[in-house]
C-alpha atoms as a PDB file:
ATOM      1  CA  MET A   1    -133.439 126.938 104.403  1.00  0.00           C
ATOM      2  CA  ALA A   2    -134.064 123.520 105.958  1.00  0.00           C
ATOM      3  CA  SER A   3    -136.933 121.162 104.469  1.00  0.00           C
ATOM      4  CA  PRO A   4    -140.180 121.046 106.329  1.00  0.00           C
ATOM      5  CA  GLU A   5    -140.379 119.449 109.406  1.00  0.00           C
ATOM      6  CA  LYS A   6    -142.396 116.235 109.916  1.00  0.00           C
ATOM      7  CA  LYS A   7    -144.781 117.132 112.563  1.00  0.00           C
ATOM      8  CA  SER A   8    -148.379 115.865 113.229  1.00  0.00           C
ATOM      9  CA  ARG A   9    -150.877 117.097 110.609  1.00  0.00           C
ATOM     10  CA  VAL A  10    -152.985 120.413 111.625  1.00  0.00           C
ATOM     11  CA  ARG A  11    -156.613 120.111 111.710  1.00  0.00           C
ATOM     12  CA  LEU A  12    -157.867 123.831 111.214  1.00  0.00           C
ATOM     13  CA  ASP A  13    -161.446 122.570 112.293  1.00  0.00           C
ATOM     14  CA  SER A  14    -159.841 121.756 115.913  1.00  0.00           C
ATOM     15  CA  LEU A  15    -158.370 124.873 116.464  1.00  0.00           C
ATOM     16  CA  GLU A  16    -159.142 126.610 119.647  1.00  0.00           C
ATOM     17  CA  HIS A  17    -160.629 130.447 119.232  1.00  0.00           C
ATOM     18  CA  LYS A  18    -159.455 132.647 121.828  1.00  0.00           C
ATOM     19  CA  SER A  19    -160.778 136.192 122.550  1.00  0.00           C
ATOM     20  CA  ILE A  20    -159.646 139.242 124.382  1.00  0.00           C
ATOM     21  CA  THR A  21    -161.231 142.348 125.905  1.00  0.00           C
ATOM     22  CA  GLU A  22    -161.726 145.491 124.228  1.00  0.00           C
ATOM     23  CA  GLU A  23    -159.379 147.243 126.319  1.00  0.00           C
ATOM     24  CA  GLU A  24    -156.513 144.480 126.114  1.00  0.00           C
ATOM     25  CA  TYR A  25    -156.670 144.857 122.232  1.00  0.00           C
ATOM     26  CA  ARG A  26    -157.070 148.517 121.846  1.00  0.00           C
ATOM     27  CA  GLN A  27    -153.814 148.961 124.557  1.00  0.00           C
ATOM     28  CA  LYS A  28    -151.659 146.353 123.199  1.00  0.00           C
ATOM     29  CA  LEU A  29    -152.266 147.000 119.422  1.00  0.00           C
ATOM     30  CA  LYS A  30    -151.156 150.313 120.064  1.00  0.00           C
ATOM     31  CA  GLU A  31    -148.164 149.358 121.749  1.00  0.00           C
ATOM     32  CA  GLN A  32    -147.135 146.753 118.942  1.00  0.00           C
ATOM     33  CA  GLU A  33    -147.920 149.206 116.221  1.00  0.00           C
ATOM     34  CA  LEU A  34    -145.357 151.589 117.513  1.00  0.00           C
ATOM     35  CA  ARG A  35    -142.970 148.869 117.880  1.00  0.00           C
ATOM     36  CA  LEU A  36    -143.505 148.007 114.387  1.00  0.00           C
ATOM     37  CA  LEU A  37    -143.335 151.724 113.044  1.00  0.00           C
ATOM     38  CA  ASN A  38    -139.951 151.978 114.646  1.00  0.00           C
ATOM     39  CA  LEU A  39    -138.781 148.548 113.118  1.00  0.00           C
ATOM     40  CA  GLN A  40    -139.786 149.806 109.452  1.00  0.00           C
ATOM     41  CA  ARG A  41    -136.919 152.527 110.140  1.00  0.00           C
ATOM     42  CA  ARG A  42    -134.338 150.443 111.023  1.00  0.00           C
ATOM     43  CA  LEU A  43    -135.559 148.327 108.164  1.00  0.00           C
ATOM     44  CA  GLY A  44    -135.113 150.896 105.894  1.00  0.00           C
ATOM     45  CA  GLU A  45    -131.393 150.974 106.724  1.00  0.00           C
ATOM     46  CA  SER A  46    -130.689 147.018 106.068  1.00  0.00           C
ATOM     47  CA  LYS A  47    -130.328 145.059 103.364  1.00  0.00           C
ATOM     48  CA  HIS A  48    -133.575 143.235 104.386  1.00  0.00           C
ATOM     49  CA  ASN A  49    -137.196 143.399 102.951  1.00  0.00           C
ATOM     50  CA  VAL A  50    -140.356 142.047 104.638  1.00  0.00           C
ATOM     51  CA  ILE A  51    -142.960 139.835 102.827  1.00  0.00           C
ATOM     52  CA  VAL A  52    -146.003 139.120 104.547  1.00  0.00           C
ATOM     53  CA  ILE A  53    -148.316 136.700 103.143  1.00  0.00           C
ATOM     54  CA  PHE A  54    -152.032 135.916 104.063  1.00  0.00           C
ATOM     55  CA  GLU A  55    -154.234 132.693 103.194  1.00  0.00           C
ATOM     56  CA  GLY A  56    -157.543 131.524 104.605  1.00  0.00           C
ATOM     57  CA  PRO A  57    -161.094 131.066 103.976  1.00  0.00           C
ATOM     58  CA  ASP A  58    -163.296 133.744 102.798  1.00  0.00           C
ATOM     59  CA  ALA A  59    -164.356 135.865 105.257  1.00  0.00           C
ATOM     60  CA  ALA A  60    -161.487 134.987 107.695  1.00  0.00           C
ATOM     61  CA  GLY A  61    -160.371 138.838 108.846  1.00  0.00           C
ATOM     62  CA  LYS A  62    -157.682 139.208 106.030  1.00  0.00           C
ATOM     63  CA  GLY A  63    -158.698 142.349 105.131  1.00  0.00           C
ATOM     64  CA  GLY A  64    -159.081 143.681 108.631  1.00  0.00           C
ATOM     65  CA  ALA A  65    -155.456 142.302 110.039  1.00  0.00           C
ATOM     66  CA  ILE A  66    -153.670 143.749 106.980  1.00  0.00           C
ATOM     67  CA  LYS A  67    -155.481 147.261 107.622  1.00  0.00           C
ATOM     68  CA  ARG A  68    -154.358 147.214 111.275  1.00  0.00           C
ATOM     69  CA  LEU A  69    -150.865 145.809 110.016  1.00  0.00           C
ATOM     70  CA  VAL A  70    -150.257 148.993 108.184  1.00  0.00           C
ATOM     71  CA  GLU A  71    -151.819 151.544 109.199  1.00  0.00           C
ATOM     72  CA  ARG A  72    -149.244 153.432 111.394  1.00  0.00           C
ATOM     73  CA  LEU A  73    -146.971 152.218 108.885  1.00  0.00           C
ATOM     74  CA  ASP A  74    -144.926 155.164 106.592  1.00  0.00           C
ATOM     75  CA  PRO A  75    -147.068 154.285 103.473  1.00  0.00           C
ATOM     76  CA  ARG A  76    -144.244 155.452 101.094  1.00  0.00           C
ATOM     77  CA  ILE A  77    -142.323 152.352 101.655  1.00  0.00           C
ATOM     78  CA  VAL A  78    -144.902 149.484 102.368  1.00  0.00           C
ATOM     79  CA  ARG A  79    -147.635 148.170  99.397  1.00  0.00           C
ATOM     80  CA  VAL A  80    -150.431 145.995  99.598  1.00  0.00           C
ATOM     81  CA  TYR A  81    -151.586 143.834  96.705  1.00  0.00           C
ATOM     82  CA  SER A  82    -154.573 141.524  96.403  1.00  0.00           C
ATOM     83  CA  VAL A  83    -153.882 138.834  94.272  1.00  0.00           C
ATOM     84  CA  VAL A  84    -156.888 138.154  92.095  1.00  0.00           C
ATOM     85  CA  LYS A  85    -157.223 135.397  88.928  1.00  0.00           C
ATOM     86  CA  PRO A  86    -154.339 135.779  86.425  1.00  0.00           C
ATOM     87  CA  THR A  87    -154.616 138.095  83.629  1.00  0.00           C
ATOM     88  CA  ALA A  88    -154.618 136.621  80.015  1.00  0.00           C
ATOM     89  CA  GLU A  89    -151.081 137.972  79.925  1.00  0.00           C
ATOM     90  CA  GLU A  90    -150.196 135.997  83.053  1.00  0.00           C
ATOM     91  CA  TYR A  91    -151.297 132.999  81.459  1.00  0.00           C
ATOM     92  CA  GLN A  92    -148.991 133.134  79.339  1.00  0.00           C
ATOM     93  CA  HIS A  93    -146.026 132.230  81.911  1.00  0.00           C
ATOM     94  CA  HIS A  94    -145.080 130.299  84.776  1.00  0.00           C
ATOM     95  CA  TYR A  95    -147.262 130.760  87.492  1.00  0.00           C
ATOM     96  CA  MET A  96    -144.535 132.475  89.690  1.00  0.00           C
ATOM     97  CA  TRP A  97    -144.080 134.899  87.311  1.00  0.00           C
ATOM     98  CA  ARG A  98    -146.654 137.548  88.179  1.00  0.00           C
ATOM     99  CA  PHE A  99    -145.605 137.534  91.878  1.00  0.00           C
ATOM    100  CA  TRP A 100    -141.273 139.074  90.785  1.00  0.00           C
ATOM    101  CA  ASN A 101    -142.933 142.502  90.222  1.00  0.00           C
ATOM    102  CA  LYS A 102    -144.726 142.687  93.635  1.00  0.00           C
ATOM    103  CA  LEU A 103    -141.500 141.858  95.377  1.00  0.00           C
ATOM    104  CA  PRO A 104    -140.248 145.024  97.792  1.00  0.00           C
ATOM    105  CA  PRO A 105    -136.974 146.775  97.494  1.00  0.00           C
ATOM    106  CA  TYR A 106    -134.547 146.370 100.331  1.00  0.00           C
ATOM    107  CA  GLY A 107    -135.609 148.156 103.491  1.00  0.00           C
ATOM    108  CA  GLN A 108    -139.388 147.938 102.086  1.00  0.00           C
ATOM    109  CA  MET A 109    -142.444 145.696 102.807  1.00  0.00           C
ATOM    110  CA  ALA A 110    -145.069 143.826 100.597  1.00  0.00           C
ATOM    111  CA  ILE A 111    -148.190 142.640 102.060  1.00  0.00           C
ATOM    112  CA  LEU A 112    -149.906 139.858  99.556  1.00  0.00           C
ATOM    113  CA  ASP A 113    -153.569 138.801 100.393  1.00  0.00           C
ATOM    114  CA  ARG A 114    -153.565 135.904  98.630  1.00  0.00           C
ATOM    115  CA  SER A 115    -149.992 134.481  97.113  1.00  0.00           C
ATOM    116  CA  TRP A 116    -148.533 131.803  95.266  1.00  0.00           C
ATOM    117  CA  TYR A 117    -149.752 129.713  97.683  1.00  0.00           C
ATOM    118  CA  GLY A 118    -152.416 130.004  95.293  1.00  0.00           C
ATOM    119  CA  ARG A 119    -151.318 126.905  93.067  1.00  0.00           C
ATOM    120  CA  VAL A 120    -151.691 124.615  96.161  1.00  0.00           C
ATOM    121  CA  LEU A 121    -155.020 125.651  97.476  1.00  0.00           C
ATOM    122  CA  VAL A 122    -157.600 127.337  95.468  1.00  0.00           C
ATOM    123  CA  GLU A 123    -155.766 125.790  92.019  1.00  0.00           C
ATOM    124  CA  ARG A 124    -155.897 122.307  93.163  1.00  0.00           C
ATOM    125  CA  VAL A 125    -159.457 122.410  94.633  1.00  0.00           C
ATOM    126  CA  GLU A 126    -160.875 124.104  91.666  1.00  0.00           C
ATOM    127  CA  GLY A 127    -158.832 121.848  89.253  1.00  0.00           C
ATOM    128  CA  PHE A 128    -157.125 125.350  87.729  1.00  0.00           C
ATOM    129  CA  ALA A 129    -154.369 123.299  88.138  1.00  0.00           C
ATOM    130  CA  SER A 130    -153.414 119.777  87.116  1.00  0.00           C
ATOM    131  CA  GLU A 131    -152.258 117.385  89.708  1.00  0.00           C
ATOM    132  CA  PRO A 132    -148.812 116.824  88.495  1.00  0.00           C
ATOM    133  CA  GLU A 133    -148.596 121.391  88.092  1.00  0.00           C
ATOM    134  CA  TRP A 134    -149.891 121.399  91.906  1.00  0.00           C
ATOM    135  CA  LYS A 135    -147.953 118.591  93.104  1.00  0.00           C
ATOM    136  CA  ARG A 136    -144.627 120.172  91.891  1.00  0.00           C
ATOM    137  CA  ALA A 137    -145.423 123.557  93.441  1.00  0.00           C
ATOM    138  CA  TYR A 138    -144.131 122.356  96.768  1.00  0.00           C
ATOM    139  CA  ARG A 139    -140.986 122.021  96.058  1.00  0.00           C
ATOM    140  CA  GLU A 140    -141.167 125.387  93.397  1.00  0.00           C
ATOM    141  CA  ILE A 141    -142.480 127.627  96.259  1.00  0.00           C
ATOM    142  CA  ASN A 142    -139.866 126.009  98.881  1.00  0.00           C
ATOM    143  CA  GLU A 143    -137.357 126.995  96.364  1.00  0.00           C
ATOM    144  CA  PHE A 144    -138.355 130.110  95.528  1.00  0.00           C
ATOM    145  CA  GLU A 145    -138.752 131.348  99.381  1.00  0.00           C
ATOM    146  CA  ARG A 146    -135.464 129.827 100.498  1.00  0.00           C
ATOM    147  CA  THR A 147    -133.826 131.984  97.245  1.00  0.00           C
ATOM    148  CA  LEU A 148    -135.712 135.027  98.722  1.00  0.00           C
ATOM    149  CA  ILE A 149    -134.348 134.420 102.197  1.00  0.00           C
ATOM    150  CA  ASP A 150    -130.970 133.826 101.118  1.00  0.00           C
ATOM    151  CA  ASP A 151    -130.998 137.193  99.952  1.00  0.00           C
ATOM    152  CA  GLY A 152    -132.366 138.850 103.046  1.00  0.00           C
ATOM    153  CA  SER A 153    -136.078 138.715 102.750  1.00  0.00           C
ATOM    154  CA  ILE A 154    -137.728 138.404 105.894  1.00  0.00           C
ATOM    155  CA  VAL A 155    -140.827 135.838 105.180  1.00  0.00           C
ATOM    156  CA  VAL A 156    -144.234 136.033 107.420  1.00  0.00           C
ATOM    157  CA  LYS A 157    -146.921 133.545 105.921  1.00  0.00           C
ATOM    158  CA  PHE A 158    -150.609 133.808 108.080  1.00  0.00           C
ATOM    159  CA  PHE A 159    -153.320 131.460 107.632  1.00  0.00           C
ATOM    160  CA  LEU A 160    -156.352 132.823 109.340  1.00  0.00           C
ATOM    161  CA  HIS A 161    -159.008 130.031 109.623  1.00  0.00           C
ATOM    162  CA  ILE A 162    -162.648 130.786 111.149  1.00  0.00           C
ATOM    163  CA  THR A 163    -165.061 128.107 112.027  1.00  0.00           C
ATOM    164  CA  LYS A 164    -167.942 126.896 109.042  1.00  0.00           C
ATOM    165  CA  ASP A 165    -170.648 128.536 111.617  1.00  0.00           C
ATOM    166  CA  GLU A 166    -168.800 131.601 111.924  1.00  0.00           C
ATOM    167  CA  GLN A 167    -168.026 132.025 108.157  1.00  0.00           C
ATOM    168  CA  LEU A 168    -172.011 132.024 107.630  1.00  0.00           C
ATOM    169  CA  ILE A 169    -172.765 134.587 110.335  1.00  0.00           C
ATOM    170  CA  ARG A 170    -170.197 136.558 108.134  1.00  0.00           C
ATOM    171  CA  PHE A 171    -171.343 136.040 105.110  1.00  0.00           C
ATOM    172  CA  ASN A 172    -175.134 136.586 106.144  1.00  0.00           C
ATOM    173  CA  ARG A 173    -174.106 139.922 107.744  1.00  0.00           C
ATOM    174  CA  ARG A 174    -172.478 140.784 104.350  1.00  0.00           C
ATOM    175  CA  GLN A 175    -175.085 139.965 102.233  1.00  0.00           C
ATOM    176  CA  GLY A 176    -177.585 142.352 104.434  1.00  0.00           C
ATOM    177  CA  ASP A 177    -175.399 145.210 104.605  1.00  0.00           C
ATOM    178  CA  PRO A 178    -175.332 147.673 101.976  1.00  0.00           C
ATOM    179  CA  TYR A 179    -172.131 149.199 103.009  1.00  0.00           C
ATOM    180  CA  LYS A 180    -170.349 145.337 102.884  1.00  0.00           C
ATOM    181  CA  HIS A 181    -172.635 144.012 100.119  1.00  0.00           C
ATOM    182  CA  TRP A 182    -169.489 144.221  97.510  1.00  0.00           C
ATOM    183  CA  LYS A 183    -167.529 141.849 100.035  1.00  0.00           C
ATOM    184  CA  ILE A 184    -169.453 138.701  99.242  1.00  0.00           C
ATOM    185  CA  THR A 185    -169.873 136.964  95.665  1.00  0.00           C
ATOM    186  CA  ASP A 186    -171.300 133.604  94.117  1.00  0.00           C
ATOM    187  CA  GLU A 187    -167.582 132.549  94.027  1.00  0.00           C
ATOM    188  CA  ASP A 188    -167.897 132.955  98.220  1.00  0.00           C
ATOM    189  CA  TRP A 189    -170.582 130.776  98.300  1.00  0.00           C
ATOM    190  CA  ARG A 190    -169.186 128.241  95.660  1.00  0.00           C
ATOM    191  CA  ASN A 191    -165.832 127.852  97.276  1.00  0.00           C
ATOM    192  CA  ARG A 192    -168.042 127.270 100.804  1.00  0.00           C
ATOM    193  CA  ARG A 193    -169.389 124.457  99.489  1.00  0.00           C
ATOM    194  CA  ASN A 194    -165.898 122.938  99.148  1.00  0.00           C
ATOM    195  CA  TRP A 195    -165.190 123.433 102.932  1.00  0.00           C
ATOM    196  CA  ASN A 196    -163.675 120.025 103.471  1.00  0.00           C
ATOM    197  CA  GLU A 197    -161.581 120.249 100.407  1.00  0.00           C
ATOM    198  CA  ASN A 198    -160.170 123.258 101.248  1.00  0.00           C
ATOM    199  CA  ASN A 199    -158.831 122.435 104.761  1.00  0.00           C
ATOM    200  CA  GLU A 200    -157.378 119.272 103.353  1.00  0.00           C
ATOM    201  CA  ALA A 201    -155.286 121.048 100.583  1.00  0.00           C
ATOM    202  CA  ALA A 202    -154.436 124.065 103.535  1.00  0.00           C
ATOM    203  CA  GLU A 203    -153.411 120.897 106.297  1.00  0.00           C
ATOM    204  CA  GLU A 204    -151.155 119.313 103.283  1.00  0.00           C
ATOM    205  CA  MET A 205    -149.935 122.497 102.734  1.00  0.00           C
ATOM    206  CA  PHE A 206    -148.655 123.395 105.862  1.00  0.00           C
ATOM    207  CA  GLU A 207    -147.095 120.052 106.414  1.00  0.00           C
ATOM    208  CA  ARG A 208    -144.901 120.694 102.842  1.00  0.00           C
ATOM    209  CA  THR A 209    -144.001 124.402 102.922  1.00  0.00           C
ATOM    210  CA  SER A 210    -143.754 125.367 106.710  1.00  0.00           C
ATOM    211  CA  THR A 211    -140.041 125.717 107.279  1.00  0.00           C
ATOM    212  CA  GLU A 212    -137.835 127.256 109.895  1.00  0.00           C
ATOM    213  CA  GLN A 213    -137.000 130.286 108.124  1.00  0.00           C
ATOM    214  CA  ALA A 214    -140.554 130.286 106.998  1.00  0.00           C
ATOM    215  CA  PRO A 215    -143.300 128.898 109.297  1.00  0.00           C
ATOM    216  CA  TRP A 216    -146.659 128.983 108.803  1.00  0.00           C
ATOM    217  CA  ASN A 217    -148.645 131.019 111.652  1.00  0.00           C
ATOM    218  CA  ILE A 218    -152.038 129.525 111.799  1.00  0.00           C
ATOM    219  CA  ILE A 219    -154.599 131.607 113.597  1.00  0.00           C
ATOM    220  CA  ALA A 220    -157.919 130.688 114.832  1.00  0.00           C
ATOM    221  CA  ALA A 221    -159.494 133.875 113.779  1.00  0.00           C
ATOM    222  CA  ASN A 222    -163.163 133.637 115.212  1.00  0.00           C
ATOM    223  CA  TYR A 223    -162.504 136.816 117.100  1.00  0.00           C
ATOM    224  CA  LYS A 224    -160.911 139.501 115.273  1.00  0.00           C
ATOM    225  CA  TRP A 225    -159.709 141.530 118.208  1.00  0.00           C
ATOM    226  CA  PHE A 226    -157.247 138.415 118.900  1.00  0.00           C
ATOM    227  CA  ALA A 227    -156.585 137.622 115.662  1.00  0.00           C
ATOM    228  CA  ARG A 228    -155.551 140.917 114.418  1.00  0.00           C
ATOM    229  CA  LEU A 229    -153.143 141.731 117.648  1.00  0.00           C
ATOM    230  CA  LYS A 230    -151.381 138.778 116.929  1.00  0.00           C
ATOM    231  CA  VAL A 231    -150.685 139.250 113.341  1.00  0.00           C
ATOM    232  CA  VAL A 232    -149.248 142.809 114.216  1.00  0.00           C
ATOM    233  CA  LYS A 233    -147.167 141.053 116.958  1.00  0.00           C
ATOM    234  CA  THR A 234    -146.077 138.752 115.210  1.00  0.00           C
ATOM    235  CA  VAL A 235    -144.732 140.476 112.027  1.00  0.00           C
ATOM    236  CA  ALA A 236    -143.015 142.765 114.770  1.00  0.00           C
ATOM    237  CA  GLU A 237    -141.411 139.850 116.474  1.00  0.00           C
ATOM    238  CA  ARG A 238    -140.208 138.258 113.322  1.00  0.00           C
ATOM    239  CA  VAL A 239    -138.496 141.510 111.845  1.00  0.00           C
ATOM    240  CA  GLU A 240    -137.013 142.631 115.281  1.00  0.00           C
ATOM    241  CA  LYS A 241    -135.506 138.954 115.680  1.00  0.00           C
ATOM    242  CA  VAL A 242    -133.820 139.549 112.135  1.00  0.00           C
ATOM    243  CA  LEU A 243    -132.474 142.821 112.442  1.00  0.00           C
ATOM    244  CA  GLU A 244    -130.793 142.031 116.265  1.00  0.00           C
ATOM    245  CA  LYS A 245    -128.682 139.608 114.191  1.00  0.00           C
END
């Protein structure tokens, strides 16, 4: 896998947030969901698998995007994993160890809500990983993904970003909604206080781990309909490109 290209640094808080109408969203989402379902059938007959990674700040819409990505797919051959802090057993191994059993067999898909990139994001910012540990993780991650891709994996990486003001709106909405109150925690508020540090870590991550075969797809996600459609379309395009080779 090619080394990350030297590009001008992405500035997350300078992203342009685009919107679409509800009519356009529903029509195009239906088209892309059917497209992806047909590709899933072809995937099942190949020696490829699909690994979709989601990162981004709290309340950026990762859960909603994942729901639309999988809701029309055959659930027997797709798995969604919500990655939380390591267990006591996982702490006794290299941090990548706990992801090996989440990798899908040939012909199947896995979606990771948070991933091995936690080492260079939250673990870096919160001090859970030492500086030597998170700095060498860029090389470890690139080599890990190169191994997967060389074996036929299709790795699609998303970073959904919202503005700090939009995050506060969503936090307050969750806080006041009894059906969404479980979505907001003290940890979310604490992470918000590290907004600039989290952005800096993410921007360096893009520079160091966006490669030709596994580029980062950075989505300005203030408008949920736009972000959800973009996610489904991007996965479909990436899978189709590989299967047609």
